[in-house]
Amino acid sequence: MDGYKGNNTTFQVRDPAEKLFQHLDYQPGIRNQYQGPRIPDELHWGLFEINWIYTNESGVSPPTNDVGEVVITGNDVEITEEIAEDLKLFLQQSHGDDVRELAEILNIDISDKTEKSDINDLTKSEQIERYDASKATHICELPDSRCQEIAKQVAQQVDLDSLSDGIPEWETTYTHGGKITQDAEQYQLIIKTERKTGSEEQYFNKIIFTPEDGIKTVWTMTNVMIDWNQRIQLEQQRGEIIKSVISVAVDEDLDIGGSMCDLELTTEYEPSIDQF
C-alpha cells in the first residue's frame, strides 16, 4: 500500500522484488495491526519502472519533470549508505537487463560484480564451462553461517516466474543452511517454494551434499498429494533450484561435485511440514 497523490494505492509485488525486500529485511505490515516499513521513494519508483512492482489502478505513474526525469520531492524516504550497500550486494548477485536498469536508475555502480576473475564478461553458460572445481572450496568445508548465506543467494536466484509466463505464482525463500547434525558430515541447503494464492501448496527442498560426492540428493517434502501435472511442475522447480545452486557455486568458487554425479531426487508427502 502506498500513498499516491494523497490516495492509498495498492501495488502488487513480483517475485524479484519480494526477494529484494527479504534481502533488505523489510517485513510487510498487517492490516489493522501495524504498518510496514516505508520504502525509499526512489527505490519504489525504480521498481515500478522495471515492472517489479505494479498496480492495476489506472493513471499511476512516477513524478517527473518537464523532460521526463523522475523527481522525488516532499517528505520522501532517502536511500541511506547502508541501504545502498545492501542494494548493491543484491544487484551484484542478480542477473538480467532489468537488474542493470535498476542499478542505473538508482545510480548504483555494480561494475565490480564479478571482478574475481577474467570470465566476467562471459555468459553464465560459458562461465560454467570454464569453471574449475579443483581450485574451489568444497561446500562441506564452509561454516554454517556461510552455508546460510549460500542458501539465501540460491533462493534469490531461483526464477519460478519463468515457468508461469512471468506470472508471480510462487514465493521462494530459504529456511536453513549448514550441517544436518553436528556429528554428520552431510550438509544441506533448504529452499521453500509456496504457492501465493489459491491452494496452500508448499514444497521444502532439502539439497544434501557430502564431502565424497558433492551434491547428492534433492529431497522434497510436500504438504499435498500431488497429481502428475503437479509432479511435472515440481520437477521444473527442482531444475530451477539445481540451476541456481550451480550458478551460485560458480559465482562463489564452490566445489559441489562433478556433473556426472548420481543425483537422487526423492519426494515425500507430509501434511504438516513447517518443522522440516
C-alpha atoms as a PDB file:
ATOM      1  CA  MET A   1       0.000   0.000   0.000  1.00  0.00           C
ATOM      2  CA  ASP A   2       1.409   3.391  -0.929  1.00  0.00           C
ATOM      3  CA  GLY A   3       0.177   6.939  -0.697  1.00  0.00           C
ATOM      4  CA  TYR A   4      -0.075   8.201  -4.276  1.00  0.00           C
ATOM      5  CA  LYS A   5      -1.166  11.827  -4.696  1.00  0.00           C
ATOM      6  CA  GLY A   6      -2.887  11.709  -1.322  1.00  0.00           C
ATOM      7  CA  ASN A   7      -4.703   8.441  -2.008  1.00  0.00           C
ATOM      8  CA  ASN A   8      -3.941   4.899  -0.926  1.00  0.00           C
ATOM      9  CA  THR A   9      -2.835   2.817  -3.905  1.00  0.00           C
ATOM     10  CA  THR A  10      -2.222  -0.920  -3.735  1.00  0.00           C
ATOM     11  CA  PHE A  11       0.913  -2.140  -5.508  1.00  0.00           C
ATOM     12  CA  GLN A  12       1.446  -5.800  -6.320  1.00  0.00           C
ATOM     13  CA  VAL A  13       4.918  -7.266  -5.863  1.00  0.00           C
ATOM     14  CA  ARG A  14       6.591  -9.650  -8.284  1.00  0.00           C
ATOM     15  CA  ASP A  15       8.961 -12.386  -7.145  1.00  0.00           C
ATOM     16  CA  PRO A  16      12.272 -10.497  -7.721  1.00  0.00           C
ATOM     17  CA  ALA A  17      11.002  -7.564  -5.633  1.00  0.00           C
ATOM     18  CA  GLU A  18       9.919  -9.934  -2.842  1.00  0.00           C
ATOM     19  CA  LYS A  19      13.426 -11.391  -2.779  1.00  0.00           C
ATOM     20  CA  LEU A  20      14.873  -7.870  -2.665  1.00  0.00           C
ATOM     21  CA  PHE A  21      12.630  -6.924   0.269  1.00  0.00           C
ATOM     22  CA  GLN A  22      13.675 -10.121   2.078  1.00  0.00           C
ATOM     23  CA  HIS A  23      17.317  -9.197   1.449  1.00  0.00           C
ATOM     24  CA  LEU A  24      16.681  -5.720   2.909  1.00  0.00           C
ATOM     25  CA  ASP A  25      14.836  -7.362   5.831  1.00  0.00           C
ATOM     26  CA  TYR A  26      11.650  -5.454   5.075  1.00  0.00           C
ATOM     27  CA  GLN A  27       8.775  -7.089   6.951  1.00  0.00           C
ATOM     28  CA  PRO A  28       5.344  -6.265   5.478  1.00  0.00           C
ATOM     29  CA  GLY A  29       2.742  -4.711   7.731  1.00  0.00           C
ATOM     30  CA  ILE A  30      -0.506  -6.392   8.723  1.00  0.00           C
ATOM     31  CA  ARG A  31      -3.768  -4.587   8.038  1.00  0.00           C
ATOM     32  CA  ASN A  32      -5.344  -3.069  11.185  1.00  0.00           C
ATOM     33  CA  GLN A  33      -2.376  -4.219  13.312  1.00  0.00           C
ATOM     34  CA  TYR A  34       0.811  -2.427  12.355  1.00  0.00           C
ATOM     35  CA  GLN A  35       2.345  -0.583   9.417  1.00  0.00           C
ATOM     36  CA  GLY A  36       5.261  -1.999   7.473  1.00  0.00           C
ATOM     37  CA  PRO A  37       8.468  -0.056   6.747  1.00  0.00           C
ATOM     38  CA  ARG A  38       8.394   2.905   4.391  1.00  0.00           C
ATOM     39  CA  ILE A  39      10.325   2.061   1.229  1.00  0.00           C
ATOM     40  CA  PRO A  40      12.589   4.837  -0.101  1.00  0.00           C
ATOM     41  CA  ASP A  41      10.681   6.705  -2.784  1.00  0.00           C
ATOM     42  CA  GLU A  42      13.476   6.448  -5.346  1.00  0.00           C
ATOM     43  CA  LEU A  43      13.623   2.679  -4.867  1.00  0.00           C
ATOM     44  CA  HIS A  44       9.824   2.389  -5.010  1.00  0.00           C
ATOM     45  CA  TRP A  45       9.550   4.156  -8.364  1.00  0.00           C
ATOM     46  CA  GLY A  46      12.658   2.412  -9.672  1.00  0.00           C
ATOM     47  CA  LEU A  47      10.973  -0.949  -9.016  1.00  0.00           C
ATOM     48  CA  PHE A  48       7.822   0.413 -10.670  1.00  0.00           C
ATOM     49  CA  GLU A  49       9.804   1.477 -13.745  1.00  0.00           C
ATOM     50  CA  ILE A  50      11.249  -2.028 -14.276  1.00  0.00           C
ATOM     51  CA  ASN A  51       7.879  -3.675 -13.523  1.00  0.00           C
ATOM     52  CA  TRP A  52       8.996  -5.478 -10.342  1.00  0.00           C
ATOM     53  CA  ILE A  53       6.010  -3.844  -8.652  1.00  0.00           C
ATOM     54  CA  TYR A  54       2.803  -2.861 -10.396  1.00  0.00           C
ATOM     55  CA  THR A  55      -0.748  -1.729  -9.807  1.00  0.00           C
ATOM     56  CA  ASN A  56      -3.994  -2.462 -11.583  1.00  0.00           C
ATOM     57  CA  GLU A  57      -5.240   1.053 -10.853  1.00  0.00           C
ATOM     58  CA  SER A  58      -5.164   3.409 -13.824  1.00  0.00           C
ATOM     59  CA  GLY A  59      -3.278   6.679 -14.135  1.00  0.00           C
ATOM     60  CA  VAL A  60      -0.455   5.789 -11.753  1.00  0.00           C
ATOM     61  CA  SER A  61       2.995   6.966 -12.834  1.00  0.00           C
ATOM     62  CA  PRO A  62       6.132   8.248 -11.116  1.00  0.00           C
ATOM     63  CA  PRO A  63       6.503  12.005 -10.555  1.00  0.00           C
ATOM     64  CA  THR A  64       8.546  13.506 -13.396  1.00  0.00           C
ATOM     65  CA  ASN A  65       9.797  16.896 -14.522  1.00  0.00           C
ATOM     66  CA  ASP A  66       9.297  18.513 -17.939  1.00  0.00           C
ATOM     67  CA  VAL A  67      11.905  16.282 -19.610  1.00  0.00           C
ATOM     68  CA  GLY A  68      10.538  13.040 -18.191  1.00  0.00           C
ATOM     69  CA  GLU A  69      13.074  12.545 -15.389  1.00  0.00           C
ATOM     70  CA  VAL A  70      11.787  11.070 -12.139  1.00  0.00           C
ATOM     71  CA  VAL A  71      11.874  13.754  -9.451  1.00  0.00           C
ATOM     72  CA  ILE A  72      11.275  12.921  -5.802  1.00  0.00           C
ATOM     73  CA  THR A  73      10.123  15.885  -3.690  1.00  0.00           C
ATOM     74  CA  GLY A  74       8.456  16.481  -0.369  1.00  0.00           C
ATOM     75  CA  ASN A  75       8.571  14.190   2.658  1.00  0.00           C
ATOM     76  CA  ASP A  76      10.376  11.297   0.977  1.00  0.00           C
ATOM     77  CA  VAL A  77      12.439   8.488   2.493  1.00  0.00           C
ATOM     78  CA  GLU A  78      16.017   8.549   1.231  1.00  0.00           C
ATOM     79  CA  ILE A  79      18.340   5.676   0.379  1.00  0.00           C
ATOM     80  CA  THR A  80      20.920   5.653   3.158  1.00  0.00           C
ATOM     81  CA  GLU A  81      24.503   4.445   2.693  1.00  0.00           C
ATOM     82  CA  GLU A  82      23.597   1.204   4.458  1.00  0.00           C
ATOM     83  CA  ILE A  83      20.600   0.602   2.187  1.00  0.00           C
ATOM     84  CA  ALA A  84      22.728   1.467  -0.870  1.00  0.00           C
ATOM     85  CA  GLU A  85      25.337  -1.127   0.130  1.00  0.00           C
ATOM     86  CA  ASP A  86      22.618  -3.768   0.645  1.00  0.00           C
ATOM     87  CA  LEU A  87      21.088  -2.876  -2.730  1.00  0.00           C
ATOM     88  CA  LYS A  88      24.480  -3.086  -4.424  1.00  0.00           C
ATOM     89  CA  LEU A  89      25.118  -6.548  -2.957  1.00  0.00           C
ATOM     90  CA  PHE A  90      21.704  -7.799  -4.090  1.00  0.00           C
ATOM     91  CA  LEU A  91      22.107  -6.401  -7.616  1.00  0.00           C
ATOM     92  CA  GLN A  92      25.605  -7.859  -7.927  1.00  0.00           C
ATOM     93  CA  GLN A  93      24.189 -11.287  -7.070  1.00  0.00           C
ATOM     94  CA  SER A  94      21.327 -10.929  -9.590  1.00  0.00           C
ATOM     95  CA  HIS A  95      21.198 -11.076 -13.358  1.00  0.00           C
ATOM     96  CA  GLY A  96      19.280  -9.556 -16.268  1.00  0.00           C
ATOM     97  CA  ASP A  97      18.663  -6.329 -18.154  1.00  0.00           C
ATOM     98  CA  ASP A  98      16.125  -5.196 -15.551  1.00  0.00           C
ATOM     99  CA  VAL A  99      18.800  -5.524 -12.837  1.00  0.00           C
ATOM    100  CA  ARG A 100      21.177  -3.313 -14.821  1.00  0.00           C
ATOM    101  CA  GLU A 101      18.356  -0.832 -15.490  1.00  0.00           C
ATOM    102  CA  LEU A 102      17.504  -0.615 -11.787  1.00  0.00           C
ATOM    103  CA  ALA A 103      21.176  -0.048 -10.945  1.00  0.00           C
ATOM    104  CA  GLU A 104      21.259   2.823 -13.459  1.00  0.00           C
ATOM    105  CA  ILE A 105      18.036   4.330 -12.089  1.00  0.00           C
ATOM    106  CA  LEU A 106      19.409   4.222  -8.536  1.00  0.00           C
ATOM    107  CA  ASN A 107      22.882   5.329  -9.662  1.00  0.00           C
ATOM    108  CA  ILE A 108      24.498   2.252  -8.120  1.00  0.00           C
ATOM    109  CA  ASP A 109      27.754   1.019  -9.630  1.00  0.00           C
ATOM    110  CA  ILE A 110      27.728  -2.780  -9.992  1.00  0.00           C
ATOM    111  CA  SER A 111      30.620  -2.888 -12.466  1.00  0.00           C
ATOM    112  CA  ASP A 112      32.805  -4.802  -9.981  1.00  0.00           C
ATOM    113  CA  LYS A 113      30.185  -7.530  -9.775  1.00  0.00           C
ATOM    114  CA  THR A 114      32.477 -10.331 -10.960  1.00  0.00           C
ATOM    115  CA  GLU A 115      35.945  -8.828 -10.674  1.00  0.00           C
ATOM    116  CA  LYS A 116      37.259 -12.058  -9.110  1.00  0.00           C
ATOM    117  CA  SER A 117      38.432 -13.369 -12.490  1.00  0.00           C
ATOM    118  CA  ASP A 118      38.719 -12.655 -16.183  1.00  0.00           C
ATOM    119  CA  ILE A 119      35.480 -14.524 -17.004  1.00  0.00           C
ATOM    120  CA  ASN A 120      33.366 -11.533 -16.007  1.00  0.00           C
ATOM    121  CA  ASP A 121      32.069 -10.749 -19.489  1.00  0.00           C
ATOM    122  CA  LEU A 122      31.154 -14.331 -20.359  1.00  0.00           C
ATOM    123  CA  THR A 123      27.626 -15.687 -20.311  1.00  0.00           C
ATOM    124  CA  LYS A 124      26.626 -17.901 -17.405  1.00  0.00           C
ATOM    125  CA  SER A 125      26.892 -20.983 -19.657  1.00  0.00           C
ATOM    126  CA  GLU A 126      30.419 -20.002 -20.696  1.00  0.00           C
ATOM    127  CA  GLN A 127      31.380 -19.372 -17.060  1.00  0.00           C
ATOM    128  CA  ILE A 128      30.132 -22.841 -16.101  1.00  0.00           C
ATOM    129  CA  GLU A 129      32.111 -24.391 -18.977  1.00  0.00           C
ATOM    130  CA  ARG A 130      35.339 -22.748 -17.714  1.00  0.00           C
ATOM    131  CA  TYR A 131      34.577 -23.409 -14.055  1.00  0.00           C
ATOM    132  CA  ASP A 132      37.369 -25.429 -12.391  1.00  0.00           C
ATOM    133  CA  ALA A 133      36.070 -27.143  -9.242  1.00  0.00           C
ATOM    134  CA  SER A 134      39.577 -28.358  -8.367  1.00  0.00           C
ATOM    135  CA  LYS A 135      40.507 -24.776  -7.458  1.00  0.00           C
ATOM    136  CA  ALA A 136      37.326 -24.163  -5.473  1.00  0.00           C
ATOM    137  CA  THR A 137      36.380 -24.592  -1.819  1.00  0.00           C
ATOM    138  CA  HIS A 138      34.197 -27.626  -1.146  1.00  0.00           C
ATOM    139  CA  ILE A 139      30.786 -26.620   0.156  1.00  0.00           C
ATOM    140  CA  CYS A 140      31.159 -29.106   3.044  1.00  0.00           C
ATOM    141  CA  GLU A 141      34.158 -27.133   4.302  1.00  0.00           C
ATOM    142  CA  LEU A 142      32.095 -24.000   4.918  1.00  0.00           C
ATOM    143  CA  PRO A 143      30.924 -22.911   8.380  1.00  0.00           C
ATOM    144  CA  ASP A 144      27.173 -22.977   8.982  1.00  0.00           C
ATOM    145  CA  SER A 145      26.962 -19.184   8.832  1.00  0.00           C
ATOM    146  CA  ARG A 146      28.422 -19.189   5.311  1.00  0.00           C
ATOM    147  CA  CYS A 147      26.074 -22.000   4.258  1.00  0.00           C
ATOM    148  CA  GLN A 148      23.181 -19.838   5.414  1.00  0.00           C
ATOM    149  CA  GLU A 149      24.414 -17.053   3.123  1.00  0.00           C
ATOM    150  CA  ILE A 150      24.734 -19.511   0.225  1.00  0.00           C
ATOM    151  CA  ALA A 151      21.167 -20.783   0.810  1.00  0.00           C
ATOM    152  CA  LYS A 152      19.952 -17.178   0.761  1.00  0.00           C
ATOM    153  CA  GLN A 153      21.752 -16.489  -2.528  1.00  0.00           C
ATOM    154  CA  VAL A 154      20.308 -19.652  -4.088  1.00  0.00           C
ATOM    155  CA  ALA A 155      16.762 -18.639  -3.094  1.00  0.00           C
ATOM    156  CA  GLN A 156      17.320 -15.161  -4.559  1.00  0.00           C
ATOM    157  CA  GLN A 157      18.381 -16.576  -7.922  1.00  0.00           C
ATOM    158  CA  VAL A 158      15.556 -19.114  -8.299  1.00  0.00           C
ATOM    159  CA  ASP A 159      13.242 -17.769 -11.012  1.00  0.00           C
ATOM    160  CA  LEU A 160       9.924 -19.621 -10.882  1.00  0.00           C
ATOM    161  CA  ASP A 161       8.115 -16.815 -12.723  1.00  0.00           C
ATOM    162  CA  SER A 162       9.786 -18.084 -15.914  1.00  0.00           C
ATOM    163  CA  LEU A 163       7.808 -21.321 -15.513  1.00  0.00           C
ATOM    164  CA  SER A 164       4.469 -19.486 -15.474  1.00  0.00           C
ATOM    165  CA  ASP A 165       4.823 -16.956 -18.305  1.00  0.00           C
ATOM    166  CA  GLY A 166       6.101 -14.282 -15.935  1.00  0.00           C
ATOM    167  CA  ILE A 167       3.093 -14.534 -13.622  1.00  0.00           C
ATOM    168  CA  PRO A 168       4.262 -14.404  -9.972  1.00  0.00           C
ATOM    169  CA  GLU A 169       2.533 -17.551  -8.684  1.00  0.00           C
ATOM    170  CA  TRP A 170       5.233 -18.766  -6.284  1.00  0.00           C
ATOM    171  CA  GLU A 171       7.239 -17.390  -3.384  1.00  0.00           C
ATOM    172  CA  THR A 172      10.762 -18.741  -2.856  1.00  0.00           C
ATOM    173  CA  THR A 173      12.597 -18.474   0.464  1.00  0.00           C
ATOM    174  CA  TYR A 174      15.477 -20.203   2.209  1.00  0.00           C
ATOM    175  CA  THR A 175      14.960 -21.796   5.621  1.00  0.00           C
ATOM    176  CA  HIS A 176      18.336 -23.321   6.524  1.00  0.00           C
ATOM    177  CA  GLY A 177      21.912 -23.964   5.514  1.00  0.00           C
ATOM    178  CA  GLY A 178      24.694 -25.927   7.215  1.00  0.00           C
ATOM    179  CA  LYS A 179      25.414 -29.298   8.785  1.00  0.00           C
ATOM    180  CA  ILE A 180      22.460 -31.673   9.050  1.00  0.00           C
ATOM    181  CA  THR A 181      23.666 -32.667  12.541  1.00  0.00           C
ATOM    182  CA  GLN A 182      26.816 -31.830  14.496  1.00  0.00           C
ATOM    183  CA  ASP A 183      28.109 -35.384  14.137  1.00  0.00           C
ATOM    184  CA  ALA A 184      27.245 -35.923  10.477  1.00  0.00           C
ATOM    185  CA  GLU A 185      29.477 -34.890   7.586  1.00  0.00           C
ATOM    186  CA  GLN A 186      26.474 -34.108   5.412  1.00  0.00           C
ATOM    187  CA  TYR A 187      25.496 -30.517   4.708  1.00  0.00           C
ATOM    188  CA  GLN A 188      22.206 -29.136   3.461  1.00  0.00           C
ATOM    189  CA  LEU A 189      20.520 -26.130   1.911  1.00  0.00           C
ATOM    190  CA  ILE A 190      16.739 -25.953   2.371  1.00  0.00           C
ATOM    191  CA  ILE A 191      14.740 -23.924  -0.154  1.00  0.00           C
ATOM    192  CA  LYS A 192      10.998 -23.485   0.328  1.00  0.00           C
ATOM    193  CA  THR A 193       8.579 -22.784  -2.513  1.00  0.00           C
ATOM    194  CA  GLU A 194       4.989 -21.861  -1.704  1.00  0.00           C
ATOM    195  CA  ARG A 195       2.038 -21.013  -3.924  1.00  0.00           C
ATOM    196  CA  LYS A 196       0.936 -17.432  -3.243  1.00  0.00           C
ATOM    197  CA  THR A 197      -2.774 -17.750  -3.967  1.00  0.00           C
ATOM    198  CA  GLY A 198      -5.366 -20.494  -4.184  1.00  0.00           C
ATOM    199  CA  SER A 199      -4.194 -23.792  -2.698  1.00  0.00           C
ATOM    200  CA  GLU A 200      -1.794 -23.927   0.257  1.00  0.00           C
ATOM    201  CA  GLU A 201       0.718 -25.886  -1.805  1.00  0.00           C
ATOM    202  CA  GLN A 202       4.216 -25.967  -0.283  1.00  0.00           C
ATOM    203  CA  TYR A 203       7.475 -27.719  -1.102  1.00  0.00           C
ATOM    204  CA  PHE A 204      10.512 -27.925   1.162  1.00  0.00           C
ATOM    205  CA  ASN A 205      13.515 -28.838  -0.998  1.00  0.00           C
ATOM    206  CA  LYS A 206      16.466 -30.150   1.005  1.00  0.00           C
ATOM    207  CA  ILE A 207      19.645 -30.192  -1.132  1.00  0.00           C
ATOM    208  CA  ILE A 208      22.114 -32.568   0.546  1.00  0.00           C
ATOM    209  CA  PHE A 209      25.893 -32.544  -0.016  1.00  0.00           C
ATOM    210  CA  THR A 210      28.602 -34.982   1.105  1.00  0.00           C
ATOM    211  CA  PRO A 211      32.402 -34.494   1.113  1.00  0.00           C
ATOM    212  CA  GLU A 212      32.825 -37.508  -1.203  1.00  0.00           C
ATOM    213  CA  ASP A 213      30.133 -36.830  -3.793  1.00  0.00           C
ATOM    214  CA  GLY A 214      29.220 -33.179  -3.517  1.00  0.00           C
ATOM    215  CA  ILE A 215      25.565 -32.670  -4.333  1.00  0.00           C
ATOM    216  CA  LYS A 216      23.933 -35.999  -3.574  1.00  0.00           C
ATOM    217  CA  THR A 217      20.178 -35.664  -3.077  1.00  0.00           C
ATOM    218  CA  VAL A 218      17.315 -33.256  -3.564  1.00  0.00           C
ATOM    219  CA  TRP A 219      14.758 -34.457  -1.054  1.00  0.00           C
ATOM    220  CA  THR A 220      11.391 -32.710  -1.367  1.00  0.00           C
ATOM    221  CA  MET A 221       8.627 -32.781   1.225  1.00  0.00           C
ATOM    222  CA  THR A 222       5.181 -31.560   0.161  1.00  0.00           C
ATOM    223  CA  ASN A 223       2.017 -30.942   2.152  1.00  0.00           C
ATOM    224  CA  VAL A 224      -0.310 -32.080  -0.666  1.00  0.00           C
ATOM    225  CA  MET A 225      -0.843 -35.325  -2.541  1.00  0.00           C
ATOM    226  CA  ILE A 226       0.282 -34.101  -5.947  1.00  0.00           C
ATOM    227  CA  ASP A 227      -1.083 -35.303  -9.284  1.00  0.00           C
ATOM    228  CA  TRP A 228       1.015 -35.788 -12.426  1.00  0.00           C
ATOM    229  CA  ASN A 229       0.637 -32.174 -13.561  1.00  0.00           C
ATOM    230  CA  GLN A 230       1.889 -31.025 -10.180  1.00  0.00           C
ATOM    231  CA  ARG A 231       4.718 -33.551 -10.393  1.00  0.00           C
ATOM    232  CA  ILE A 232       5.830 -32.060 -13.722  1.00  0.00           C
ATOM    233  CA  GLN A 233       5.704 -28.626 -12.107  1.00  0.00           C
ATOM    234  CA  LEU A 234       7.725 -29.881  -9.125  1.00  0.00           C
ATOM    235  CA  GLU A 235      10.454 -31.307 -11.371  1.00  0.00           C
ATOM    236  CA  GLN A 236      10.645 -27.986 -13.228  1.00  0.00           C
ATOM    237  CA  GLN A 237      11.020 -26.200  -9.899  1.00  0.00           C
ATOM    238  CA  ARG A 238      13.739 -28.587  -8.786  1.00  0.00           C
ATOM    239  CA  GLY A 239      15.509 -27.985 -12.079  1.00  0.00           C
ATOM    240  CA  GLU A 240      15.448 -24.230 -11.407  1.00  0.00           C
ATOM    241  CA  ILE A 241      16.750 -24.782  -7.865  1.00  0.00           C
ATOM    242  CA  ILE A 242      19.611 -27.010  -9.075  1.00  0.00           C
ATOM    243  CA  LYS A 243      20.398 -24.441 -11.775  1.00  0.00           C
ATOM    244  CA  SER A 244      20.609 -21.741  -9.076  1.00  0.00           C
ATOM    245  CA  VAL A 245      22.844 -23.933  -6.884  1.00  0.00           C
ATOM    246  CA  ILE A 246      25.248 -24.361  -9.820  1.00  0.00           C
ATOM    247  CA  SER A 247      25.129 -20.636 -10.623  1.00  0.00           C
ATOM    248  CA  VAL A 248      25.944 -19.637  -7.033  1.00  0.00           C
ATOM    249  CA  ALA A 249      28.718 -22.261  -6.893  1.00  0.00           C
ATOM    250  CA  VAL A 250      30.333 -20.707  -9.971  1.00  0.00           C
ATOM    251  CA  ASP A 251      29.972 -17.165  -8.589  1.00  0.00           C
ATOM    252  CA  GLU A 252      31.361 -18.097  -5.171  1.00  0.00           C
ATOM    253  CA  ASP A 253      34.090 -20.568  -6.308  1.00  0.00           C
ATOM    254  CA  LEU A 254      32.484 -23.532  -4.556  1.00  0.00           C
ATOM    255  CA  ASP A 255      33.004 -27.219  -5.306  1.00  0.00           C
ATOM    256  CA  ILE A 256      29.644 -29.023  -5.290  1.00  0.00           C
ATOM    257  CA  GLY A 257      30.866 -32.213  -7.000  1.00  0.00           C
ATOM    258  CA  GLY A 258      31.006 -33.373 -10.598  1.00  0.00           C
ATOM    259  CA  SER A 259      28.275 -33.004 -13.187  1.00  0.00           C
ATOM    260  CA  MET A 260      28.192 -36.810 -13.660  1.00  0.00           C
ATOM    261  CA  CYS A 261      27.325 -37.441 -10.009  1.00  0.00           C
ATOM    262  CA  ASP A 262      24.465 -39.807  -9.139  1.00  0.00           C
ATOM    263  CA  LEU A 263      21.972 -37.129  -8.134  1.00  0.00           C
ATOM    264  CA  GLU A 264      18.958 -38.637  -6.390  1.00  0.00           C
ATOM    265  CA  LEU A 265      15.547 -36.949  -6.417  1.00  0.00           C
ATOM    266  CA  THR A 266      13.081 -38.048  -3.743  1.00  0.00           C
ATOM    267  CA  THR A 267       9.560 -36.867  -2.979  1.00  0.00           C
ATOM    268  CA  GLU A 268       7.532 -37.444   0.178  1.00  0.00           C
ATOM    269  CA  TYR A 269       4.124 -36.354   1.427  1.00  0.00           C
ATOM    270  CA  GLU A 270       3.698 -34.922   4.897  1.00  0.00           C
ATOM    271  CA  PRO A 271       0.507 -32.966   5.806  1.00  0.00           C
ATOM    272  CA  SER A 272       2.369 -30.724   8.283  1.00  0.00           C
ATOM    273  CA  ILE A 273       5.863 -29.788   7.142  1.00  0.00           C
ATOM    274  CA  ASP A 274       6.522 -26.491   8.955  1.00  0.00           C
ATOM    275  CA  GLN A 275       9.240 -28.105  11.070  1.00  0.00           C
ATOM    276  CA  PHE A 276      11.025 -29.715   8.103  1.00  0.00           C
END
